[in-house]
Amino acid sequence: MSKLTAAITGVAYYTPPDILSNADLEKMVETNHEWIVSRTGIEERRILKGEGKATSFMGAEAVKKLLEKTDTDPKEIDLIICGTVTGDMIFPDTANQIGMKAGCTNSFGFDINAACSGFLFSINTGAQFIETGKYKKVIIVGADMMSSIVDYEDRATCILFGDAAGAVLLEPNKEGYGIQDSVLRADGSGVQYLNMKAGGSLIPASHESVDQRLHYAYQEGRTVFKHAVKGMVSATKDLLDQNELKPEEINWIIPHQANLRILESVANMMDFPIEKVLINIAKYGNTTSATIPLCMGENEKRFKKGDKVVLTAFGGGFTWGSTLLTWAYDPK
C-alpha cells in the first residue's frame, strides 16, 4: 500500500483593502521611503480597519474563498488549525471563530502560536491528522492582524508589519504528492530578542504595563536577522540532505517574508537562483503567520503538479524550520 500523505488541494488568501504606504509612515515617524526599501524591501502593507473586525475576520474570509474555490461543503471540514500571534482573544481559540464564521459547523479547531513559523508548524500538525487516516479534510490558516500589536511610534518595527490571512486545504493522497518531510526547531533562549512582554501570565495587563508600552511587538533587529538567516539555511540544508536532494532539484522556495535582505541571503547561501524564491514582501510587508500561504496563493498559477516546493520560516521565541512538499495539482 502506498504511503498516505497530506496534500495541499487548494489555497486562498485575504488581504484588507486599506493600504499603509511608506509615504504614510513618513508622516507618522522619522523615516522615508528610500530608507525603508533599502533595508527591508517593503513599499506598502495592508491594514485591517473596521469596528468588530479582527484576525478571525480575515481568516474566515480566506477560508470562505478556499471552500468556494475547491467546491467544498463547509460541513465536510473535520479540523481547522490557525497559526497566529494575534488571536481575537486570549481564549477562545481564533480557529473556532473562523470555523463558525465560515460555516464549518462539524469541525473542531485550535490555534498554534509559533510567531512567524505559525503556518509552518500548523501545516505539519494538520498533516498528522491526515496521515493517521483520522480525518479527510483539514484546513490550515495563517492569519495575523499585526497592526493590533505594532507600536506606530517605533520606527524600527512599525515599518515591517501588515495584516493578512491565507488558508490551505489538506486532503489524503496515495500518489506520492503532498508533504514529504520537515525539519522543525525551537530555541527558547531567543525570547529576549523577539517578544511581546505583557499581556500573558508573566506580566498581566495593568495601567503600568500599558504606560510602559509593553503590549507591543519588540525585536532586536540585527540579532534576529542573523539567527533568521542561519536558522532557515540550516533547516533547509538538513531537509535536503535527509531527502538526498540538491538545490537544483527544488522548483520553488516559499520563505517567510520577513525582510528582503534575509531572503536574498538565504538564497545566496543555499545557492538557489533568486528566480526560484517567491517574494511578495514589497506589497504586504511581514504578515507573520500569513506570509507563506499568502505568497503561495499569489503564485499558485506558476506551480505544476509534481513540482518540489520548500517552505521555510523563522519566528520569535525562536522558532524555525523547513518543509518539503510535492505539489499535488495543476492550477485551473
Protein backbone atom coordinates (compact mmCIF):
# COMPACT_ATOMS: atom_id res chain seq x y z
CA MET A 1 0.00 0.00 0.00
CA SER A 2 1.29 3.45 -0.90
CA LYS A 3 2.14 5.79 1.93
CA LEU A 4 -0.70 8.11 2.92
CA THR A 5 0.36 11.75 2.76
CA ALA A 6 -1.34 15.09 3.34
CA ALA A 7 -1.56 17.05 0.10
CA ILE A 8 -2.50 20.68 -0.44
CA THR A 9 -5.53 20.60 -2.73
CA GLY A 10 -6.36 24.31 -2.67
CA VAL A 11 -5.11 27.67 -1.44
CA ALA A 12 -6.77 31.05 -0.92
CA TYR A 13 -5.97 34.31 0.85
CA TYR A 14 -7.44 37.59 2.05
CA THR A 15 -5.79 41.00 2.26
CA PRO A 16 -7.56 44.07 3.65
CA PRO A 17 -8.30 46.87 1.16
CA ASP A 18 -6.67 49.66 3.19
CA ILE A 19 -3.03 50.35 2.31
CA LEU A 20 -0.41 51.86 4.60
CA SER A 21 2.36 53.10 2.31
CA ASN A 22 5.85 54.20 3.14
CA ALA A 23 4.73 57.73 2.35
CA ASP A 24 2.04 57.37 5.02
CA LEU A 25 4.64 56.23 7.55
CA GLU A 26 6.80 59.26 6.76
CA LYS A 27 4.03 61.34 8.33
CA MET A 28 3.95 59.18 11.48
CA VAL A 29 7.61 58.54 12.38
CA GLU A 30 11.02 59.78 11.35
CA THR A 31 11.66 57.64 8.27
CA ASN A 32 11.46 57.78 4.49
CA HIS A 33 10.58 55.55 1.57
CA GLU A 34 14.15 55.05 0.37
CA TRP A 35 15.39 54.08 3.84
CA ILE A 36 12.61 51.53 4.31
CA VAL A 37 13.01 49.95 0.87
CA SER A 38 16.79 49.73 1.10
CA ARG A 39 16.67 47.94 4.45
CA THR A 40 13.55 45.81 4.12
CA GLY A 41 12.28 45.76 0.54
CA ILE A 42 8.84 46.86 1.75
CA GLU A 43 6.90 49.54 -0.14
CA GLU A 44 3.45 49.16 1.44
CA ARG A 45 1.42 46.95 3.70
CA ARG A 46 -2.30 46.22 4.28
CA ILE A 47 -4.10 47.26 7.46
CA LEU A 48 -7.42 45.82 8.67
CA LYS A 49 -9.89 48.52 9.65
CA GLY A 50 -13.49 48.42 10.78
CA GLU A 51 -15.30 48.06 14.06
CA GLY A 52 -15.51 44.48 15.28
CA LYS A 53 -13.01 43.16 12.73
CA ALA A 54 -10.04 41.14 13.94
CA THR A 55 -7.87 38.21 12.92
CA SER A 56 -10.79 35.76 12.68
CA PHE A 57 -12.49 38.03 10.15
CA MET A 58 -9.54 37.76 7.77
CA GLY A 59 -9.14 34.05 8.42
CA ALA A 60 -12.81 33.39 7.75
CA GLU A 61 -12.69 35.38 4.50
CA ALA A 62 -9.74 33.30 3.32
CA VAL A 63 -11.49 30.06 4.30
CA LYS A 64 -14.71 31.05 2.53
CA LYS A 65 -12.74 31.70 -0.66
CA LEU A 66 -10.95 28.38 -0.24
CA LEU A 67 -14.20 26.44 0.19
CA GLU A 68 -15.75 28.08 -2.86
CA LYS A 69 -12.63 27.62 -4.96
CA THR A 70 -12.34 23.90 -4.13
CA ASP A 71 -16.11 23.33 -4.26
CA THR A 72 -16.01 22.00 -0.71
CA ASP A 73 -19.02 21.84 1.61
CA PRO A 74 -18.04 23.63 4.84
CA LYS A 75 -19.76 20.87 6.81
CA GLU A 76 -17.21 18.39 5.41
CA ILE A 77 -14.30 20.08 7.17
CA ASP A 78 -13.03 17.99 10.09
CA LEU A 79 -10.46 20.32 11.62
CA ILE A 80 -9.22 23.92 11.39
CA ILE A 81 -5.81 24.90 12.75
CA CYS A 82 -4.89 28.57 12.87
CA GLY A 83 -1.34 29.82 13.21
CA THR A 84 -1.50 33.25 14.81
CA VAL A 85 0.02 35.52 17.46
CA THR A 86 -2.86 37.99 17.29
CA GLY A 87 -5.87 35.88 18.18
CA ASP A 88 -9.12 37.76 18.67
CA MET A 89 -8.91 36.99 22.40
CA ILE A 90 -6.65 35.09 24.79
CA PHE A 91 -9.42 32.50 24.63
CA PRO A 92 -11.38 31.03 22.95
CA ASP A 93 -9.19 29.94 20.06
CA THR A 94 -9.43 32.01 16.91
CA ALA A 95 -9.65 28.82 14.81
CA ASN A 96 -13.07 28.15 16.29
CA GLN A 97 -14.24 31.67 15.48
CA ILE A 98 -13.04 31.18 11.91
CA GLY A 99 -14.89 27.88 11.65
CA MET A 100 -18.12 29.41 12.94
CA LYS A 101 -17.93 32.36 10.54
CA ALA A 102 -17.14 30.11 7.58
CA GLY A 103 -19.94 27.66 8.34
CA CYS A 104 -17.69 24.73 9.27
CA THR A 105 -20.12 23.52 11.90
CA ASN A 106 -18.81 19.93 12.07
CA SER A 107 -15.17 20.83 12.67
CA PHE A 108 -13.12 21.40 15.77
CA GLY A 109 -10.14 23.70 15.90
CA PHE A 110 -7.24 25.13 17.81
CA ASP A 111 -4.52 27.77 17.47
CA ILE A 112 -0.74 27.40 17.26
CA ASN A 113 1.39 30.28 18.44
CA ALA A 114 4.84 29.96 16.90
CA ALA A 115 5.17 33.58 15.76
CA CYS A 116 6.28 33.78 12.12
CA SER A 117 6.67 29.98 11.98
CA GLY A 118 2.99 29.59 12.86
CA PHE A 119 1.79 28.41 9.46
CA LEU A 120 4.71 26.03 9.05
CA PHE A 121 4.13 24.42 12.45
CA SER A 122 0.36 24.34 11.83
CA ILE A 123 0.53 22.63 8.45
CA ASN A 124 2.81 19.94 9.85
CA THR A 125 0.45 19.41 12.79
CA GLY A 126 -2.56 19.19 10.49
CA ALA A 127 -0.77 16.71 8.26
CA GLN A 128 -0.57 14.23 11.12
CA PHE A 129 -4.37 14.02 11.35
CA ILE A 130 -4.49 13.20 7.63
CA GLU A 131 -1.62 10.70 7.69
CA THR A 132 -3.15 8.67 10.51
CA GLY A 133 -6.33 8.31 8.47
CA LYS A 134 -8.34 10.03 11.19
CA TYR A 135 -9.56 12.95 9.05
CA LYS A 136 -10.15 13.63 5.36
CA LYS A 137 -10.36 17.42 5.13
CA VAL A 138 -8.23 19.72 7.27
CA ILE A 139 -7.88 23.48 6.79
CA ILE A 140 -4.71 25.27 7.85
CA VAL A 141 -4.96 29.04 8.32
CA GLY A 142 -2.15 31.52 8.79
CA ALA A 143 -3.58 34.87 9.91
CA ASP A 144 -2.32 37.87 11.79
CA MET A 145 -3.53 41.39 12.47
CA MET A 146 -0.11 42.74 13.32
CA SER A 147 -1.39 46.32 13.30
CA SER A 148 -3.03 45.49 16.65
CA ILE A 149 0.34 44.93 18.37
CA VAL A 150 2.63 47.30 16.46
CA ASP A 151 3.86 50.49 18.10
CA TYR A 152 3.40 53.17 15.45
CA GLU A 153 5.80 55.39 17.35
CA ASP A 154 8.64 52.88 16.96
CA ARG A 155 10.14 53.28 13.50
CA ALA A 156 12.21 50.11 13.88
CA THR A 157 9.14 47.85 13.93
CA CYS A 158 6.17 49.77 12.51
CA ILE A 159 7.69 49.76 9.02
CA LEU A 160 7.79 45.97 8.93
CA PHE A 161 4.35 44.58 9.60
CA GLY A 162 0.98 44.27 7.88
CA ASP A 163 -2.29 42.33 8.16
CA ALA A 164 -3.42 39.34 6.06
CA ALA A 165 -4.66 35.75 6.10
CA GLY A 166 -4.09 32.67 3.97
CA ALA A 167 -5.55 29.16 4.05
CA VAL A 168 -4.89 25.77 2.50
CA LEU A 169 -6.97 22.60 2.31
CA LEU A 170 -5.21 19.34 3.18
CA GLU A 171 -6.58 16.02 1.90
CA PRO A 172 -5.26 12.43 1.80
CA ASN A 173 -3.05 11.37 -1.11
CA LYS A 174 -1.57 7.98 -2.03
CA GLU A 175 0.13 9.02 -5.27
CA GLY A 176 3.28 10.45 -3.74
CA TYR A 177 2.15 14.07 -3.66
CA GLY A 178 1.85 16.32 -0.62
CA ILE A 179 4.03 16.88 2.43
CA GLN A 180 7.13 14.68 2.28
CA ASP A 181 9.29 15.71 5.21
CA SER A 182 10.06 18.53 7.65
CA VAL A 183 12.78 19.87 9.90
CA LEU A 184 11.30 21.91 12.75
CA ARG A 185 13.25 23.60 15.52
CA ALA A 186 12.82 25.88 18.54
CA ASP A 187 15.15 27.63 20.98
CA GLY A 188 13.51 29.36 23.93
CA SER A 189 16.61 31.45 24.66
CA GLY A 190 15.60 33.69 21.75
CA VAL A 191 12.77 35.16 23.82
CA GLN A 192 14.86 38.19 24.77
CA TYR A 193 15.32 39.26 21.16
CA LEU A 194 11.79 38.97 19.77
CA ASN A 195 8.73 39.12 22.01
CA MET A 196 5.70 40.95 23.33
CA LYS A 197 6.41 41.31 27.02
CA ALA A 198 2.98 42.00 28.51
CA GLY A 199 -0.48 40.50 28.24
CA GLY A 200 0.38 36.98 29.38
CA SER A 201 0.66 35.46 32.85
CA LEU A 202 4.20 36.78 33.35
CA ILE A 203 3.16 40.43 33.07
CA PRO A 204 -0.65 40.67 33.14
CA ALA A 205 -2.24 43.78 31.69
CA SER A 206 -2.20 46.75 34.06
CA HIS A 207 -2.04 50.52 33.92
CA GLU A 208 1.69 50.22 34.48
CA SER A 209 2.25 47.73 31.64
CA VAL A 210 0.26 49.93 29.26
CA ASP A 211 2.09 53.09 30.35
CA GLN A 212 5.42 51.32 29.76
CA ARG A 213 4.27 50.32 26.24
CA LEU A 214 4.87 46.63 26.92
CA HIS A 215 1.93 45.41 24.84
CA TYR A 216 3.72 45.92 21.54
CA ALA A 217 5.93 43.62 19.48
CA TYR A 218 9.61 44.11 20.24
CA GLN A 219 12.62 42.87 18.33
CA GLU A 220 16.35 43.35 18.33
CA GLY A 221 16.74 43.60 14.59
CA ARG A 222 20.38 42.70 13.97
CA THR A 223 20.31 39.65 16.22
CA VAL A 224 17.06 38.40 14.72
CA PHE A 225 18.43 38.92 11.20
CA LYS A 226 21.48 36.74 11.88
CA HIS A 227 19.50 33.99 13.57
CA ALA A 228 16.82 34.02 10.84
CA VAL A 229 19.33 33.51 8.04
CA LYS A 230 21.23 30.84 9.96
CA GLY A 231 18.04 29.03 11.01
CA MET A 232 16.34 28.89 7.61
CA VAL A 233 19.55 27.90 5.84
CA SER A 234 20.45 25.14 8.32
CA ALA A 235 16.91 23.70 8.39
CA THR A 236 16.68 23.70 4.60
CA LYS A 237 20.10 22.10 4.19
CA ASP A 238 19.20 19.39 6.70
CA LEU A 239 15.89 18.82 4.92
CA LEU A 240 17.53 18.41 1.52
CA ASP A 241 20.30 16.20 2.90
CA GLN A 242 17.94 13.78 4.59
CA ASN A 243 15.91 13.51 1.38
CA GLU A 244 19.02 13.22 -0.84
CA LEU A 245 18.07 16.28 -2.86
CA LYS A 246 20.23 19.00 -4.37
CA PRO A 247 19.17 22.67 -4.54
CA GLU A 248 18.77 22.46 -8.32
CA GLU A 249 16.13 19.75 -7.89
CA ILE A 250 13.84 22.15 -6.00
CA ASN A 251 11.40 24.06 -8.21
CA TRP A 252 10.30 26.71 -5.75
CA ILE A 253 11.15 28.13 -2.34
CA ILE A 254 8.35 29.87 -0.43
CA PRO A 255 10.03 31.62 2.51
CA HIS A 256 8.54 33.61 5.33
CA GLN A 257 8.52 37.23 4.13
CA ALA A 258 10.38 38.96 6.95
CA ASN A 259 12.90 41.13 5.16
CA LEU A 260 14.10 41.15 1.55
CA ARG A 261 17.74 41.10 2.64
CA ILE A 262 17.10 37.96 4.70
CA LEU A 263 15.53 36.25 1.67
CA GLU A 264 18.42 37.24 -0.57
CA SER A 265 20.94 36.00 2.00
CA VAL A 266 19.18 32.64 2.33
CA ALA A 267 19.04 32.21 -1.46
CA ASN A 268 22.71 33.10 -1.80
CA MET A 269 23.89 30.79 1.00
CA MET A 270 21.79 27.90 -0.36
CA ASP A 271 22.90 28.55 -3.95
CA PHE A 272 19.26 28.94 -5.02
CA PRO A 273 18.59 31.22 -8.01
CA ILE A 274 16.60 34.19 -6.73
CA GLU A 275 14.08 33.47 -9.53
CA LYS A 276 13.11 30.30 -7.65
CA VAL A 277 12.48 32.21 -4.41
CA LEU A 278 8.91 33.53 -4.33
CA ILE A 279 8.80 37.04 -2.91
CA ASN A 280 5.91 39.47 -2.37
CA ILE A 281 7.15 41.43 0.65
CA ALA A 282 7.10 44.74 -1.24
CA LYS A 283 3.29 44.74 -1.32
CA TYR A 284 2.42 43.30 2.07
CA GLY A 285 5.35 43.54 4.47
CA ASN A 286 5.67 40.93 7.18
CA THR A 287 2.23 39.44 7.87
CA THR A 288 3.72 36.91 10.32
CA SER A 289 1.79 33.60 10.08
CA ALA A 290 0.09 34.66 6.84
CA THR A 291 3.19 35.24 4.71
CA ILE A 292 3.68 31.71 3.36
CA PRO A 293 0.05 30.92 2.39
CA LEU A 294 -0.36 34.45 1.02
CA CYS A 295 2.71 34.08 -1.17
CA MET A 296 1.63 30.56 -2.14
CA GLY A 297 -1.81 31.80 -3.14
CA GLU A 298 -0.49 34.66 -5.22
CA ASN A 299 1.84 32.32 -7.12
CA GLU A 300 -0.45 29.29 -7.39
CA LYS A 301 -0.73 29.53 -11.19
CA ARG A 302 3.04 29.13 -11.51
CA PHE A 303 3.05 25.69 -9.88
CA LYS A 304 2.79 22.42 -11.78
CA LYS A 305 1.74 19.03 -10.48
CA GLY A 306 4.87 17.26 -9.27
CA ASP A 307 6.86 20.43 -8.50
CA LYS A 308 9.10 20.13 -5.47
CA VAL A 309 8.47 23.05 -3.12
CA VAL A 310 10.24 24.05 0.08
CA LEU A 311 8.52 26.17 2.73
CA THR A 312 10.81 27.80 5.28
CA ALA A 313 10.27 30.21 8.16
CA PHE A 314 11.79 31.79 11.23
CA GLY A 315 9.90 33.34 14.13
CA GLY A 316 10.12 34.77 17.62
CA GLY A 317 10.94 32.55 20.51
CA PHE A 318 12.98 31.40 18.48
CA THR A 319 11.11 29.02 16.15
CA TRP A 320 12.18 27.92 12.68
CA GLY A 321 12.05 25.11 10.16
CA SER A 322 11.59 23.92 6.60
CA THR A 323 9.06 21.62 4.93
CA LEU A 324 9.35 19.71 1.66
CA LEU A 325 6.22 19.06 -0.36
CA THR A 326 5.37 17.77 -3.82
CA TRP A 327 2.71 19.95 -5.43
CA ALA A 328 -0.45 17.90 -5.98
CA TYR A 329 -2.38 19.65 -8.77
CA ASP A 330 -2.17 21.83 -11.84
CA PRO A 331 -3.91 25.20 -11.42
CA LYS A 332 -7.29 25.53 -13.09
